[in-house]
N, C-alpha and C. Protein backbone atom coordinates (compact mmCIF):
# COMPACT_ATOMS: atom_id res chain seq x y z
N UNK A 1 66.52 13.73 -23.56
CA UNK A 1 67.22 13.77 -21.51
C UNK A 1 67.83 14.42 -21.57
N UNK A 2 68.34 14.52 -22.39
CA UNK A 2 70.16 15.90 -21.60
C UNK A 2 69.70 17.15 -21.59
N UNK A 3 67.96 17.89 -22.21
CA UNK A 3 67.83 18.72 -22.71
C UNK A 3 66.69 19.21 -21.81
N UNK A 4 66.43 17.83 -20.75
CA UNK A 4 65.62 17.95 -20.12
C UNK A 4 65.20 18.94 -17.99
N UNK A 5 66.93 17.78 -18.74
CA UNK A 5 67.76 18.41 -16.75
C UNK A 5 68.01 19.85 -17.17
N UNK A 6 68.77 20.19 -18.16
CA UNK A 6 68.66 21.76 -18.51
C UNK A 6 67.34 22.67 -18.61
N UNK A 7 66.17 21.91 -19.01
CA UNK A 7 65.42 23.30 -18.19
C UNK A 7 64.60 23.01 -17.06
N UNK A 8 64.73 21.83 -16.34
CA UNK A 8 64.86 21.66 -14.97
C UNK A 8 65.68 22.47 -14.02
N UNK A 9 67.22 22.68 -14.75
CA UNK A 9 67.91 23.65 -14.06
C UNK A 9 67.31 25.53 -14.12
N UNK A 10 67.23 25.21 -14.99
CA UNK A 10 66.35 26.95 -15.17
C UNK A 10 65.01 26.77 -15.28
N UNK A 11 64.48 26.20 -14.51
CA UNK A 11 63.26 26.57 -13.70
C UNK A 11 63.35 26.86 -12.22
N UNK A 12 64.27 25.67 -12.05
CA UNK A 12 64.57 25.43 -10.73
C UNK A 12 65.42 27.08 -10.13
N UNK A 13 65.98 27.43 -10.98
CA UNK A 13 66.67 28.84 -10.64
C UNK A 13 65.26 29.98 -11.24
N UNK A 14 64.69 29.69 -11.41
CA UNK A 14 63.18 31.02 -11.68
C UNK A 14 62.98 31.37 -10.56
N UNK A 15 62.05 29.61 -10.54
CA UNK A 15 62.27 29.48 -8.46
C UNK A 15 62.52 30.68 -7.39
N UNK A 16 64.28 29.76 -7.69
CA UNK A 16 64.28 30.36 -6.08
C UNK A 16 64.89 31.67 -5.66
N UNK A 17 64.81 31.72 -6.78
CA UNK A 17 65.41 33.46 -7.53
C UNK A 17 63.79 34.84 -7.47
N UNK A 18 62.26 34.35 -8.05
CA UNK A 18 61.58 34.02 -7.72
C UNK A 18 60.94 34.14 -5.98
N UNK A 19 61.19 33.45 -5.70
CA UNK A 19 60.84 32.92 -3.58
C UNK A 19 61.98 33.37 -2.98
N UNK A 20 63.50 33.44 -3.50
CA UNK A 20 63.87 33.65 -2.39
C UNK A 20 63.67 32.54 -1.48
N UNK A 21 63.97 30.81 -1.74
CA UNK A 21 63.95 29.90 -1.80
C UNK A 21 65.55 29.07 -1.04
N UNK A 22 65.05 28.12 -0.03
CA UNK A 22 66.21 27.72 -0.21
C UNK A 22 66.30 25.97 -1.02
N UNK A 23 67.73 25.94 -0.66
CA UNK A 23 67.80 24.15 -1.74
C UNK A 23 66.64 23.13 -0.86
N UNK A 24 66.55 23.51 0.40
CA UNK A 24 64.92 22.59 0.58
C UNK A 24 64.16 22.30 0.13
N UNK A 25 63.54 24.13 0.32
CA UNK A 25 62.38 23.83 -0.43
C UNK A 25 61.80 24.33 -1.34
N UNK A 26 62.55 24.46 -2.85
CA UNK A 26 62.34 24.32 -4.05
C UNK A 26 62.31 22.61 -4.49
N UNK A 27 63.73 21.68 -3.26
CA UNK A 27 63.48 19.57 -4.14
C UNK A 27 62.01 19.93 -3.75
N UNK A 28 61.92 20.40 -2.17
CA UNK A 28 60.37 19.79 -2.01
C UNK A 28 59.15 20.18 -2.74
N UNK A 29 58.81 21.33 -3.35
CA UNK A 29 58.13 21.90 -4.64
C UNK A 29 58.59 21.18 -5.74
N UNK A 30 59.89 21.01 -6.23
CA UNK A 30 59.59 19.85 -7.37
C UNK A 30 59.59 18.44 -6.70
N UNK A 31 59.94 18.42 -5.72
CA UNK A 31 60.12 16.36 -6.17
C UNK A 31 60.53 15.91 -6.10
N UNK A 32 62.62 16.36 -6.37
CA UNK A 32 63.27 16.00 -6.29
C UNK A 32 63.56 15.77 -5.38
N UNK A 33 65.03 14.85 -4.66
CA UNK A 33 66.01 15.74 -4.25
C UNK A 33 66.68 17.20 -4.53
N UNK A 34 67.09 17.21 -2.75
CA UNK A 34 68.51 18.40 -2.11
C UNK A 34 69.63 18.55 -2.97
N UNK A 35 70.08 17.13 -3.66
CA UNK A 35 71.35 16.66 -3.86
C UNK A 35 71.62 17.04 -5.51
N UNK A 36 70.12 17.29 -5.93
CA UNK A 36 69.54 16.58 -7.23
C UNK A 36 69.78 18.88 -7.51
N UNK A 37 68.77 19.37 -6.93
CA UNK A 37 68.36 20.62 -6.94
C UNK A 37 69.80 20.92 -7.10
N UNK A 38 71.46 21.36 -6.02
CA UNK A 38 72.26 21.84 -6.48
C UNK A 38 72.75 21.67 -6.98
N UNK A 39 72.62 20.57 -7.25
CA UNK A 39 73.86 20.14 -8.94
C UNK A 39 73.26 20.76 -9.83
N UNK A 40 71.30 20.95 -10.30
CA UNK A 40 71.14 21.32 -10.84
C UNK A 40 71.51 23.09 -11.48
N UNK A 41 71.94 23.77 -9.71
CA UNK A 41 72.12 24.87 -9.77
C UNK A 41 72.94 25.49 -9.63
N UNK A 42 74.56 24.41 -8.93
CA UNK A 42 76.18 24.96 -8.63
C UNK A 42 76.56 24.73 -10.14
N UNK A 43 76.05 23.31 -11.14
CA UNK A 43 76.89 22.97 -12.31
C UNK A 43 76.42 22.79 -13.41
N UNK A 44 75.01 22.67 -13.20
CA UNK A 44 74.25 22.30 -14.83
C UNK A 44 73.87 23.60 -15.20
N UNK A 45 72.60 24.79 -13.95
CA UNK A 45 72.93 26.46 -14.68
C UNK A 45 74.45 26.85 -14.99
N UNK A 46 75.01 26.37 -14.56
CA UNK A 46 76.18 27.30 -14.74
C UNK A 46 76.18 27.26 -16.13
N UNK A 47 76.35 26.83 -16.71
CA UNK A 47 76.56 26.30 -18.55
C UNK A 47 74.86 27.02 -18.67
N UNK A 48 74.21 26.68 -19.11
CA UNK A 48 73.07 27.38 -19.30
C UNK A 48 72.75 28.19 -19.31
N UNK A 49 72.88 29.44 -18.32
CA UNK A 49 72.46 30.28 -17.85
C UNK A 49 73.62 31.25 -16.80
N UNK A 50 74.56 31.29 -17.04
CA UNK A 50 75.25 32.67 -16.18
C UNK A 50 74.71 33.68 -15.68
N UNK A 51 74.43 33.69 -16.40
CA UNK A 51 73.67 35.05 -15.30
C UNK A 51 72.95 35.30 -14.70
N UNK A 52 71.95 33.89 -14.43
CA UNK A 52 71.21 33.23 -13.19
C UNK A 52 71.58 32.44 -12.24
N UNK A 53 72.11 31.98 -12.97
CA UNK A 53 73.11 31.26 -12.45
C UNK A 53 73.80 31.81 -11.31
N UNK A 54 74.40 33.17 -11.35
CA UNK A 54 75.33 33.85 -10.56
C UNK A 54 73.96 34.39 -9.29
N UNK A 55 73.13 34.77 -10.28
CA UNK A 55 71.69 35.33 -8.56
C UNK A 55 71.09 34.23 -7.92
N UNK A 56 71.87 32.90 -8.81
CA UNK A 56 70.62 31.69 -7.85
C UNK A 56 71.82 31.19 -5.97
N UNK A 57 73.17 31.91 -6.78
CA UNK A 57 74.52 31.37 -6.42
C UNK A 57 74.53 32.66 -5.06
N UNK A 58 73.61 33.31 -5.45
CA UNK A 58 73.58 34.81 -4.61
C UNK A 58 73.37 34.19 -3.40
N UNK A 59 71.13 34.00 -3.52
CA UNK A 59 70.04 33.97 -3.08
C UNK A 59 70.65 32.54 -2.44
N UNK A 60 71.17 31.46 -2.48
CA UNK A 60 72.02 30.63 -1.48
C UNK A 60 72.89 31.47 -0.65
N UNK A 61 73.79 31.41 -0.84
CA UNK A 61 74.93 32.21 -0.38
C UNK A 61 74.71 32.72 0.64
N UNK A 62 73.18 34.31 0.86
CA UNK A 62 72.71 34.62 1.57
C UNK A 62 72.04 33.74 2.78
N UNK A 63 70.91 32.30 1.75
CA UNK A 63 70.62 31.58 3.21
C UNK A 63 71.27 30.71 3.71
N UNK A 64 72.78 30.14 3.05
CA UNK A 64 73.25 29.49 3.91
C UNK A 64 74.09 30.54 5.23
N UNK A 65 74.34 31.80 5.11
CA UNK A 65 74.81 32.48 5.93
C UNK A 65 73.27 32.78 7.28
N UNK A 66 72.50 32.73 6.83
CA UNK A 66 71.32 32.44 7.79
C UNK A 66 70.51 31.20 7.86
N UNK A 67 71.76 29.70 7.33
CA UNK A 67 71.11 28.87 7.95
C UNK A 67 70.79 28.30 9.78
N UNK A 68 71.73 29.52 9.91
CA UNK A 68 71.80 28.81 11.55
C UNK A 68 70.58 30.18 13.07
N UNK A 69 70.80 30.35 12.09
CA UNK A 69 69.76 31.42 13.00
C UNK A 69 68.29 31.02 12.34
N UNK A 70 68.13 30.34 11.68
CA UNK A 70 66.68 29.93 11.24
C UNK A 70 66.44 29.04 11.93
N UNK A 71 68.06 27.69 12.13
CA UNK A 71 68.04 26.31 12.40
C UNK A 71 67.40 26.63 14.29
N UNK A 72 68.36 27.63 14.72
CA UNK A 72 68.12 28.18 16.16
C UNK A 72 66.12 29.12 17.09
N UNK A 73 65.72 29.62 15.80
CA UNK A 73 64.27 29.63 15.75
C UNK A 73 64.20 27.97 15.64
N UNK A 74 63.94 27.39 14.70
CA UNK A 74 63.05 26.66 14.79
C UNK A 74 63.18 25.51 16.21
N UNK A 75 64.62 24.97 16.71
CA UNK A 75 64.44 24.45 18.42
C UNK A 75 64.22 25.42 18.93
N UNK A 76 64.19 26.74 19.42
CA UNK A 76 63.38 27.37 20.74
C UNK A 76 61.69 27.18 19.82
N UNK A 77 61.18 27.09 18.77
CA UNK A 77 59.67 27.01 18.88
C UNK A 77 59.18 25.71 19.69
N UNK A 78 60.03 24.31 19.24
CA UNK A 78 59.97 23.09 19.29
C UNK A 78 60.15 23.28 20.83
N UNK A 79 60.54 23.72 21.73
CA UNK A 79 60.91 23.22 22.93
C UNK A 79 59.53 24.61 23.31
N UNK A 80 59.31 25.96 23.49
CA UNK A 80 57.67 26.34 23.43
C UNK A 80 57.21 25.60 23.21
N UNK A 81 57.05 24.85 22.27
CA UNK A 81 55.44 24.04 21.69
C UNK A 81 55.12 22.70 22.59
N UNK A 82 56.58 22.82 23.09
CA UNK A 82 56.79 21.07 23.99
C UNK A 82 56.07 21.52 25.33
N UNK A 83 56.91 22.76 26.24
CA UNK A 83 56.54 23.43 27.34
C UNK A 83 54.64 23.64 27.06
N UNK A 84 54.10 24.06 26.36
CA UNK A 84 52.90 23.92 26.12
C UNK A 84 52.64 25.57 26.23
N UNK A 85 53.44 26.11 25.40
CA UNK A 85 53.44 27.47 26.02
C UNK A 85 53.29 28.45 24.48
């Protein structure tokens, strides 16, 4: 069982790097929870593949810094749809 978890962490890392994915989109793609994705890429990946961990961390930090912008755009689009525009 232990090898499977590390393998999943590496697969998540590769997916996030290739697609610049968010934790939420990676969780949806792999059919697991956001907390599992976060634990895999922030703890398990660090011990399995430190170089990949650093790349993933950079992407996730960028996503986090842009989160408020994406939220504002989503809210704006929601209200535009409600108005019928």
